[in-house]
ModelCIF file with pLDDT and N, C-alpha, C, O atoms, coordinates in Angstrom:
data_MODEL
#
_entry.id   MODEL 
#
_entity.id                         1 
_entity.type                       polymer 
_entity.pdbx_number_of_molecules   1 
#
_entity_poly.entity_id                      1 
_entity_poly.type                           'polypeptide(L)' 
_entity_poly.nstd_linkage                   no 
_entity_poly.nstd_monomer                   no 
_entity_poly.pdbx_seq_one_letter_code       SSLCLGLLAWLLKQGVPAEKLAYIKPMTQCVEK 
_entity_poly.pdbx_seq_one_letter_code_can   SSLCLGLLAWLLKQGVPAEKLAYIKPMTQCVEK 
_entity_poly.pdbx_strand_id                 A 
#
loop_
_entity_poly_seq.entity_id 
_entity_poly_seq.num 
_entity_poly_seq.mon_id 
_entity_poly_seq.hetero 
1 1  SER n 
1 2  SER n 
1 3  LEU n 
1 4  CYS n 
1 5  LEU n 
1 6  GLY n 
1 7  LEU n 
1 8  LEU n 
1 9  ALA n 
1 10 TRP n 
1 11 LEU n 
1 12 LEU n 
1 13 LYS n 
1 14 GLN n 
1 15 GLY n 
1 16 VAL n 
1 17 PRO n 
1 18 ALA n 
1 19 GLU n 
1 20 LYS n 
1 21 LEU n 
1 22 ALA n 
1 23 TYR n 
1 24 ILE n 
1 25 LYS n 
1 26 PRO n 
1 27 MET n 
1 28 THR n 
1 29 GLN n 
1 30 CYS n 
1 31 VAL n 
1 32 GLU n 
1 33 LYS n 
#
_struct_asym.id          A 
_struct_asym.entity_id   1 
#
loop_
_ma_qa_metric.id 
_ma_qa_metric.mode 
_ma_qa_metric.name 
_ma_qa_metric.software_group_id 
_ma_qa_metric.type 
1 global pLDDT . pLDDT 
2 local  pLDDT . pLDDT 
#
_ma_qa_metric_global.metric_id      1 
_ma_qa_metric_global.metric_value   90.88 
_ma_qa_metric_global.model_id       1 
_ma_qa_metric_global.ordinal_id     1 
#
loop_
_ma_qa_metric_local.label_asym_id 
_ma_qa_metric_local.label_comp_id 
_ma_qa_metric_local.label_seq_id 
_ma_qa_metric_local.metric_id 
_ma_qa_metric_local.metric_value 
_ma_qa_metric_local.model_id 
_ma_qa_metric_local.ordinal_id 
A SER 1  2 90.00 1 1  
A SER 2  2 87.00 1 2  
A LEU 3  2 91.00 1 3  
A CYS 4  2 93.00 1 4  
A LEU 5  2 92.00 1 5  
A GLY 6  2 90.00 1 6  
A LEU 7  2 94.00 1 7  
A LEU 8  2 95.00 1 8  
A ALA 9  2 93.00 1 9  
A TRP 10 2 94.00 1 10 
A LEU 11 2 95.00 1 11 
A LEU 12 2 95.00 1 12 
A LYS 13 2 94.00 1 13 
A GLN 14 2 93.00 1 14 
A GLY 15 2 94.00 1 15 
A VAL 16 2 95.00 1 16 
A PRO 17 2 96.00 1 17 
A ALA 18 2 96.00 1 18 
A GLU 19 2 97.00 1 19 
A LYS 20 2 97.00 1 20 
A LEU 21 2 97.00 1 21 
A ALA 22 2 97.00 1 22 
A TYR 23 2 97.00 1 23 
A ILE 24 2 96.00 1 24 
A LYS 25 2 94.00 1 25 
A PRO 26 2 93.00 1 26 
A MET 27 2 88.00 1 27 
A THR 28 2 83.00 1 28 
A GLN 29 2 77.00 1 29 
A CYS 30 2 73.00 1 30 
A VAL 31 2 74.00 1 31 
A GLU 32 2 78.00 1 32 
A LYS 33 2 81.00 1 33 
#
loop_
_atom_site.group_PDB 
_atom_site.id 
_atom_site.type_symbol 
_atom_site.label_atom_id 
_atom_site.label_alt_id 
_atom_site.label_comp_id 
_atom_site.label_asym_id 
_atom_site.label_entity_id 
_atom_site.label_seq_id 
_atom_site.pdbx_PDB_ins_code 
_atom_site.Cartn_x 
_atom_site.Cartn_y 
_atom_site.Cartn_z 
_atom_site.occupancy 
_atom_site.B_iso_or_equiv 
_atom_site.pdbx_formal_charge 
_atom_site.auth_seq_id 
_atom_site.auth_comp_id 
_atom_site.auth_asym_id 
_atom_site.auth_atom_id 
_atom_site.pdbx_PDB_model_num 
ATOM 1   N N  . SER A 1 1  ? 109.226 79.258 95.336  1.00 90.00 ? 1  SER A N  1 
ATOM 2   C CA . SER A 1 1  ? 108.718 78.964 96.813  1.00 90.00 ? 1  SER A CA 1 
ATOM 3   C C  . SER A 1 1  ? 109.861 79.070 97.904  1.00 90.00 ? 1  SER A C  1 
ATOM 4   O O  . SER A 1 1  ? 109.602 79.388 99.064  1.00 90.00 ? 1  SER A O  1 
ATOM 5   N N  . SER A 1 2  ? 111.398 78.727 97.373  1.00 87.00 ? 2  SER A N  1 
ATOM 6   C CA . SER A 1 2  ? 112.642 79.005 97.976  1.00 87.00 ? 2  SER A CA 1 
ATOM 7   C C  . SER A 1 2  ? 112.648 80.379 98.211  1.00 87.00 ? 2  SER A C  1 
ATOM 8   O O  . SER A 1 2  ? 113.000 80.721 99.340  1.00 87.00 ? 2  SER A O  1 
ATOM 9   N N  . LEU A 1 3  ? 112.303 81.359 97.310  1.00 91.00 ? 3  LEU A N  1 
ATOM 10  C CA . LEU A 1 3  ? 112.485 82.774 97.622  1.00 91.00 ? 3  LEU A CA 1 
ATOM 11  C C  . LEU A 1 3  ? 111.699 83.245 98.655  1.00 91.00 ? 3  LEU A C  1 
ATOM 12  O O  . LEU A 1 3  ? 112.112 84.000 99.536  1.00 91.00 ? 3  LEU A O  1 
ATOM 13  N N  . CYS A 1 4  ? 110.274 82.702 98.543  1.00 93.00 ? 4  CYS A N  1 
ATOM 14  C CA . CYS A 1 4  ? 109.333 83.123 99.554  1.00 93.00 ? 4  CYS A CA 1 
ATOM 15  C C  . CYS A 1 4  ? 109.851 82.844 100.988 1.00 93.00 ? 4  CYS A C  1 
ATOM 16  O O  . CYS A 1 4  ? 109.823 83.642 101.926 1.00 93.00 ? 4  CYS A O  1 
ATOM 17  N N  . LEU A 1 5  ? 110.346 81.528 100.999 1.00 92.00 ? 5  LEU A N  1 
ATOM 18  C CA . LEU A 1 5  ? 110.726 81.076 102.192 1.00 92.00 ? 5  LEU A CA 1 
ATOM 19  C C  . LEU A 1 5  ? 111.839 82.052 102.748 1.00 92.00 ? 5  LEU A C  1 
ATOM 20  O O  . LEU A 1 5  ? 111.642 82.421 103.906 1.00 92.00 ? 5  LEU A O  1 
ATOM 21  N N  . GLY A 1 6  ? 113.171 82.618 102.018 1.00 90.00 ? 6  GLY A N  1 
ATOM 22  C CA . GLY A 1 6  ? 113.868 83.213 102.293 1.00 90.00 ? 6  GLY A CA 1 
ATOM 23  C C  . GLY A 1 6  ? 113.584 84.674 102.733 1.00 90.00 ? 6  GLY A C  1 
ATOM 24  O O  . GLY A 1 6  ? 114.197 85.228 103.646 1.00 90.00 ? 6  GLY A O  1 
ATOM 25  N N  . LEU A 1 7  ? 112.609 85.241 102.006 1.00 94.00 ? 7  LEU A N  1 
ATOM 26  C CA . LEU A 1 7  ? 112.182 86.561 102.338 1.00 94.00 ? 7  LEU A CA 1 
ATOM 27  C C  . LEU A 1 7  ? 111.403 86.536 103.641 1.00 94.00 ? 7  LEU A C  1 
ATOM 28  O O  . LEU A 1 7  ? 111.576 87.438 104.461 1.00 94.00 ? 7  LEU A O  1 
ATOM 29  N N  . LEU A 1 8  ? 110.575 85.570 103.861 1.00 95.00 ? 8  LEU A N  1 
ATOM 30  C CA . LEU A 1 8  ? 109.979 85.395 105.173 1.00 95.00 ? 8  LEU A CA 1 
ATOM 31  C C  . LEU A 1 8  ? 110.836 85.232 106.275 1.00 95.00 ? 8  LEU A C  1 
ATOM 32  O O  . LEU A 1 8  ? 110.578 85.725 107.373 1.00 95.00 ? 8  LEU A O  1 
ATOM 33  N N  . ALA A 1 9  ? 111.960 84.489 106.013 1.00 93.00 ? 9  ALA A N  1 
ATOM 34  C CA . ALA A 1 9  ? 113.123 84.347 107.055 1.00 93.00 ? 9  ALA A CA 1 
ATOM 35  C C  . ALA A 1 9  ? 113.766 85.934 107.393 1.00 93.00 ? 9  ALA A C  1 
ATOM 36  O O  . ALA A 1 9  ? 113.893 86.442 108.507 1.00 93.00 ? 9  ALA A O  1 
ATOM 37  N N  . TRP A 1 10 ? 114.086 86.468 106.199 1.00 94.00 ? 10 TRP A N  1 
ATOM 38  C CA . TRP A 1 10 ? 114.683 87.734 106.247 1.00 94.00 ? 10 TRP A CA 1 
ATOM 39  C C  . TRP A 1 10 ? 113.736 88.703 107.011 1.00 94.00 ? 10 TRP A C  1 
ATOM 40  O O  . TRP A 1 10 ? 114.300 89.507 107.752 1.00 94.00 ? 10 TRP A O  1 
ATOM 41  N N  . LEU A 1 11 ? 112.394 88.745 106.940 1.00 95.00 ? 11 LEU A N  1 
ATOM 42  C CA . LEU A 1 11 ? 111.638 89.588 107.863 1.00 95.00 ? 11 LEU A CA 1 
ATOM 43  C C  . LEU A 1 11 ? 111.679 89.313 109.150 1.00 95.00 ? 11 LEU A C  1 
ATOM 44  O O  . LEU A 1 11 ? 111.832 90.158 110.032 1.00 95.00 ? 11 LEU A O  1 
ATOM 45  N N  . LEU A 1 12 ? 111.519 87.875 109.350 1.00 95.00 ? 12 LEU A N  1 
ATOM 46  C CA . LEU A 1 12 ? 111.919 87.572 110.782 1.00 95.00 ? 12 LEU A CA 1 
ATOM 47  C C  . LEU A 1 12 ? 112.961 88.277 111.486 1.00 95.00 ? 12 LEU A C  1 
ATOM 48  O O  . LEU A 1 12 ? 112.860 88.995 112.481 1.00 95.00 ? 12 LEU A O  1 
ATOM 49  N N  . LYS A 1 13 ? 113.895 87.985 110.868 1.00 94.00 ? 13 LYS A N  1 
ATOM 50  C CA . LYS A 1 13 ? 115.099 88.552 111.484 1.00 94.00 ? 13 LYS A CA 1 
ATOM 51  C C  . LYS A 1 13 ? 115.099 90.049 111.576 1.00 94.00 ? 13 LYS A C  1 
ATOM 52  O O  . LYS A 1 13 ? 115.730 90.582 112.488 1.00 94.00 ? 13 LYS A O  1 
ATOM 53  N N  . GLN A 1 14 ? 114.426 90.782 110.681 1.00 93.00 ? 14 GLN A N  1 
ATOM 54  C CA . GLN A 1 14 ? 114.184 92.148 110.811 1.00 93.00 ? 14 GLN A CA 1 
ATOM 55  C C  . GLN A 1 14 ? 113.181 92.672 111.979 1.00 93.00 ? 14 GLN A C  1 
ATOM 56  O O  . GLN A 1 14 ? 112.863 93.849 112.151 1.00 93.00 ? 14 GLN A O  1 
ATOM 57  N N  . GLY A 1 15 ? 112.773 91.623 112.700 1.00 94.00 ? 15 GLY A N  1 
ATOM 58  C CA . GLY A 1 15 ? 111.768 91.787 113.759 1.00 94.00 ? 15 GLY A CA 1 
ATOM 59  C C  . GLY A 1 15 ? 110.321 92.069 113.655 1.00 94.00 ? 15 GLY A C  1 
ATOM 60  O O  . GLY A 1 15 ? 109.541 92.507 114.501 1.00 94.00 ? 15 GLY A O  1 
ATOM 61  N N  . VAL A 1 16 ? 110.110 91.660 112.222 1.00 95.00 ? 16 VAL A N  1 
ATOM 62  C CA . VAL A 1 16 ? 108.680 91.394 112.133 1.00 95.00 ? 16 VAL A CA 1 
ATOM 63  C C  . VAL A 1 16 ? 107.878 90.260 112.617 1.00 95.00 ? 16 VAL A C  1 
ATOM 64  O O  . VAL A 1 16 ? 108.115 89.130 112.190 1.00 95.00 ? 16 VAL A O  1 
ATOM 65  N N  . PRO A 1 17 ? 106.996 90.465 113.429 1.00 96.00 ? 17 PRO A N  1 
ATOM 66  C CA . PRO A 1 17 ? 106.250 89.181 114.274 1.00 96.00 ? 17 PRO A CA 1 
ATOM 67  C C  . PRO A 1 17 ? 105.711 88.153 112.959 1.00 96.00 ? 17 PRO A C  1 
ATOM 68  O O  . PRO A 1 17 ? 105.270 88.513 111.868 1.00 96.00 ? 17 PRO A O  1 
ATOM 69  N N  . ALA A 1 18 ? 105.890 86.935 113.417 1.00 96.00 ? 18 ALA A N  1 
ATOM 70  C CA . ALA A 1 18 ? 105.394 85.713 112.709 1.00 96.00 ? 18 ALA A CA 1 
ATOM 71  C C  . ALA A 1 18 ? 103.901 86.127 112.291 1.00 96.00 ? 18 ALA A C  1 
ATOM 72  O O  . ALA A 1 18 ? 103.496 86.143 111.129 1.00 96.00 ? 18 ALA A O  1 
ATOM 73  N N  . GLU A 1 19 ? 103.276 86.402 113.234 1.00 97.00 ? 19 GLU A N  1 
ATOM 74  C CA . GLU A 1 19 ? 101.827 86.389 113.307 1.00 97.00 ? 19 GLU A CA 1 
ATOM 75  C C  . GLU A 1 19 ? 101.369 87.968 112.084 1.00 97.00 ? 19 GLU A C  1 
ATOM 76  O O  . GLU A 1 19 ? 100.231 88.220 111.689 1.00 97.00 ? 19 GLU A O  1 
ATOM 77  N N  . LYS A 1 20 ? 102.299 88.554 111.835 1.00 97.00 ? 20 LYS A N  1 
ATOM 78  C CA . LYS A 1 20 ? 102.252 89.577 110.658 1.00 97.00 ? 20 LYS A CA 1 
ATOM 79  C C  . LYS A 1 20 ? 102.549 89.055 109.428 1.00 97.00 ? 20 LYS A C  1 
ATOM 80  O O  . LYS A 1 20 ? 102.408 89.786 108.448 1.00 97.00 ? 20 LYS A O  1 
ATOM 81  N N  . LEU A 1 21 ? 102.929 87.945 109.293 1.00 97.00 ? 21 LEU A N  1 
ATOM 82  C CA . LEU A 1 21 ? 103.329 87.267 107.838 1.00 97.00 ? 21 LEU A CA 1 
ATOM 83  C C  . LEU A 1 21 ? 102.462 86.257 107.359 1.00 97.00 ? 21 LEU A C  1 
ATOM 84  O O  . LEU A 1 21 ? 101.804 85.606 108.171 1.00 97.00 ? 21 LEU A O  1 
ATOM 85  N N  . ALA A 1 22 ? 102.369 86.027 106.055 1.00 97.00 ? 22 ALA A N  1 
ATOM 86  C CA . ALA A 1 22 ? 101.504 84.838 105.576 1.00 97.00 ? 22 ALA A CA 1 
ATOM 87  C C  . ALA A 1 22 ? 102.028 84.548 104.393 1.00 97.00 ? 22 ALA A C  1 
ATOM 88  O O  . ALA A 1 22 ? 102.689 85.338 103.719 1.00 97.00 ? 22 ALA A O  1 
ATOM 89  N N  . TYR A 1 23 ? 101.744 83.352 104.078 1.00 97.00 ? 23 TYR A N  1 
ATOM 90  C CA . TYR A 1 23 ? 102.142 82.520 102.673 1.00 97.00 ? 23 TYR A CA 1 
ATOM 91  C C  . TYR A 1 23 ? 101.072 81.821 102.042 1.00 97.00 ? 23 TYR A C  1 
ATOM 92  O O  . TYR A 1 23 ? 100.475 80.996 102.733 1.00 97.00 ? 23 TYR A O  1 
ATOM 93  N N  . ILE A 1 24 ? 100.691 82.005 100.782 1.00 96.00 ? 24 ILE A N  1 
ATOM 94  C CA . ILE A 1 24 ? 99.610  81.490 100.167 1.00 96.00 ? 24 ILE A CA 1 
ATOM 95  C C  . ILE A 1 24 ? 100.092 80.931 98.535  1.00 96.00 ? 24 ILE A C  1 
ATOM 96  O O  . ILE A 1 24 ? 100.603 81.708 97.728  1.00 96.00 ? 24 ILE A O  1 
ATOM 97  N N  . LYS A 1 25 ? 99.878  79.730 98.284  1.00 94.00 ? 25 LYS A N  1 
ATOM 98  C CA . LYS A 1 25 ? 100.195 79.391 97.050  1.00 94.00 ? 25 LYS A CA 1 
ATOM 99  C C  . LYS A 1 25 ? 98.464  79.105 96.423  1.00 94.00 ? 25 LYS A C  1 
ATOM 100 O O  . LYS A 1 25 ? 97.876  78.046 96.640  1.00 94.00 ? 25 LYS A O  1 
ATOM 101 N N  . PRO A 1 26 ? 97.924  80.129 95.730  1.00 93.00 ? 26 PRO A N  1 
ATOM 102 C CA . PRO A 1 26 ? 96.351  79.967 95.658  1.00 93.00 ? 26 PRO A CA 1 
ATOM 103 C C  . PRO A 1 26 ? 96.229  79.042 94.337  1.00 93.00 ? 26 PRO A C  1 
ATOM 104 O O  . PRO A 1 26 ? 95.211  78.362 94.208  1.00 93.00 ? 26 PRO A O  1 
ATOM 105 N N  . MET A 1 27 ? 97.284  78.998 93.310  1.00 88.00 ? 27 MET A N  1 
ATOM 106 C CA . MET A 1 27 ? 97.023  77.895 92.226  1.00 88.00 ? 27 MET A CA 1 
ATOM 107 C C  . MET A 1 27 ? 98.259  77.206 92.396  1.00 88.00 ? 27 MET A C  1 
ATOM 108 O O  . MET A 1 27 ? 99.345  77.706 92.689  1.00 88.00 ? 27 MET A O  1 
ATOM 109 N N  . THR A 1 28 ? 97.909  75.668 92.121  1.00 83.00 ? 28 THR A N  1 
ATOM 110 C CA . THR A 1 28 ? 99.168  74.756 92.314  1.00 83.00 ? 28 THR A CA 1 
ATOM 111 C C  . THR A 1 28 ? 99.154  73.613 91.378  1.00 83.00 ? 28 THR A C  1 
ATOM 112 O O  . THR A 1 28 ? 98.060  73.314 90.899  1.00 83.00 ? 28 THR A O  1 
ATOM 113 N N  . GLN A 1 29 ? 100.051 73.022 91.088  1.00 77.00 ? 29 GLN A N  1 
ATOM 114 C CA . GLN A 1 29 ? 100.250 71.705 90.260  1.00 77.00 ? 29 GLN A CA 1 
ATOM 115 C C  . GLN A 1 29 ? 100.898 70.560 91.109  1.00 77.00 ? 29 GLN A C  1 
ATOM 116 O O  . GLN A 1 29 ? 100.924 69.356 90.851  1.00 77.00 ? 29 GLN A O  1 
ATOM 117 N N  . CYS A 1 30 ? 101.345 71.142 92.042  1.00 73.00 ? 30 CYS A N  1 
ATOM 118 C CA . CYS A 1 30 ? 102.140 70.256 93.246  1.00 73.00 ? 30 CYS A CA 1 
ATOM 119 C C  . CYS A 1 30 ? 101.122 70.362 94.507  1.00 73.00 ? 30 CYS A C  1 
ATOM 120 O O  . CYS A 1 30 ? 100.568 71.393 94.887  1.00 73.00 ? 30 CYS A O  1 
ATOM 121 N N  . VAL A 1 31 ? 100.999 69.057 95.073  1.00 74.00 ? 31 VAL A N  1 
ATOM 122 C CA . VAL A 1 31 ? 100.279 69.030 96.335  1.00 74.00 ? 31 VAL A CA 1 
ATOM 123 C C  . VAL A 1 31 ? 101.227 68.396 97.420  1.00 74.00 ? 31 VAL A C  1 
ATOM 124 O O  . VAL A 1 31 ? 100.676 68.052 98.466  1.00 74.00 ? 31 VAL A O  1 
ATOM 125 N N  . GLU A 1 32 ? 102.479 68.215 97.311  1.00 78.00 ? 32 GLU A N  1 
ATOM 126 C CA . GLU A 1 32 ? 103.324 67.645 98.079  1.00 78.00 ? 32 GLU A CA 1 
ATOM 127 C C  . GLU A 1 32 ? 103.951 68.940 98.976  1.00 78.00 ? 32 GLU A C  1 
ATOM 128 O O  . GLU A 1 32 ? 104.254 70.021 98.473  1.00 78.00 ? 32 GLU A O  1 
ATOM 129 N N  . LYS A 1 33 ? 104.067 68.638 100.252 1.00 81.00 ? 33 LYS A N  1 
ATOM 130 C CA . LYS A 1 33 ? 104.361 69.674 101.269 1.00 81.00 ? 33 LYS A CA 1 
ATOM 131 C C  . LYS A 1 33 ? 106.052 70.144 100.814 1.00 81.00 ? 33 LYS A C  1 
ATOM 132 O O  . LYS A 1 33 ? 106.646 71.008 101.458 1.00 81.00 ? 33 LYS A O  1 
#
């Protein structure tokens, strides 16, 4: 999850608009935010 966070931040810094990015954890064992 931390890698996903980091890559999302990297893409934002490269100029990719937030509305063009998405994240999903379709199967999970943890429900804490």
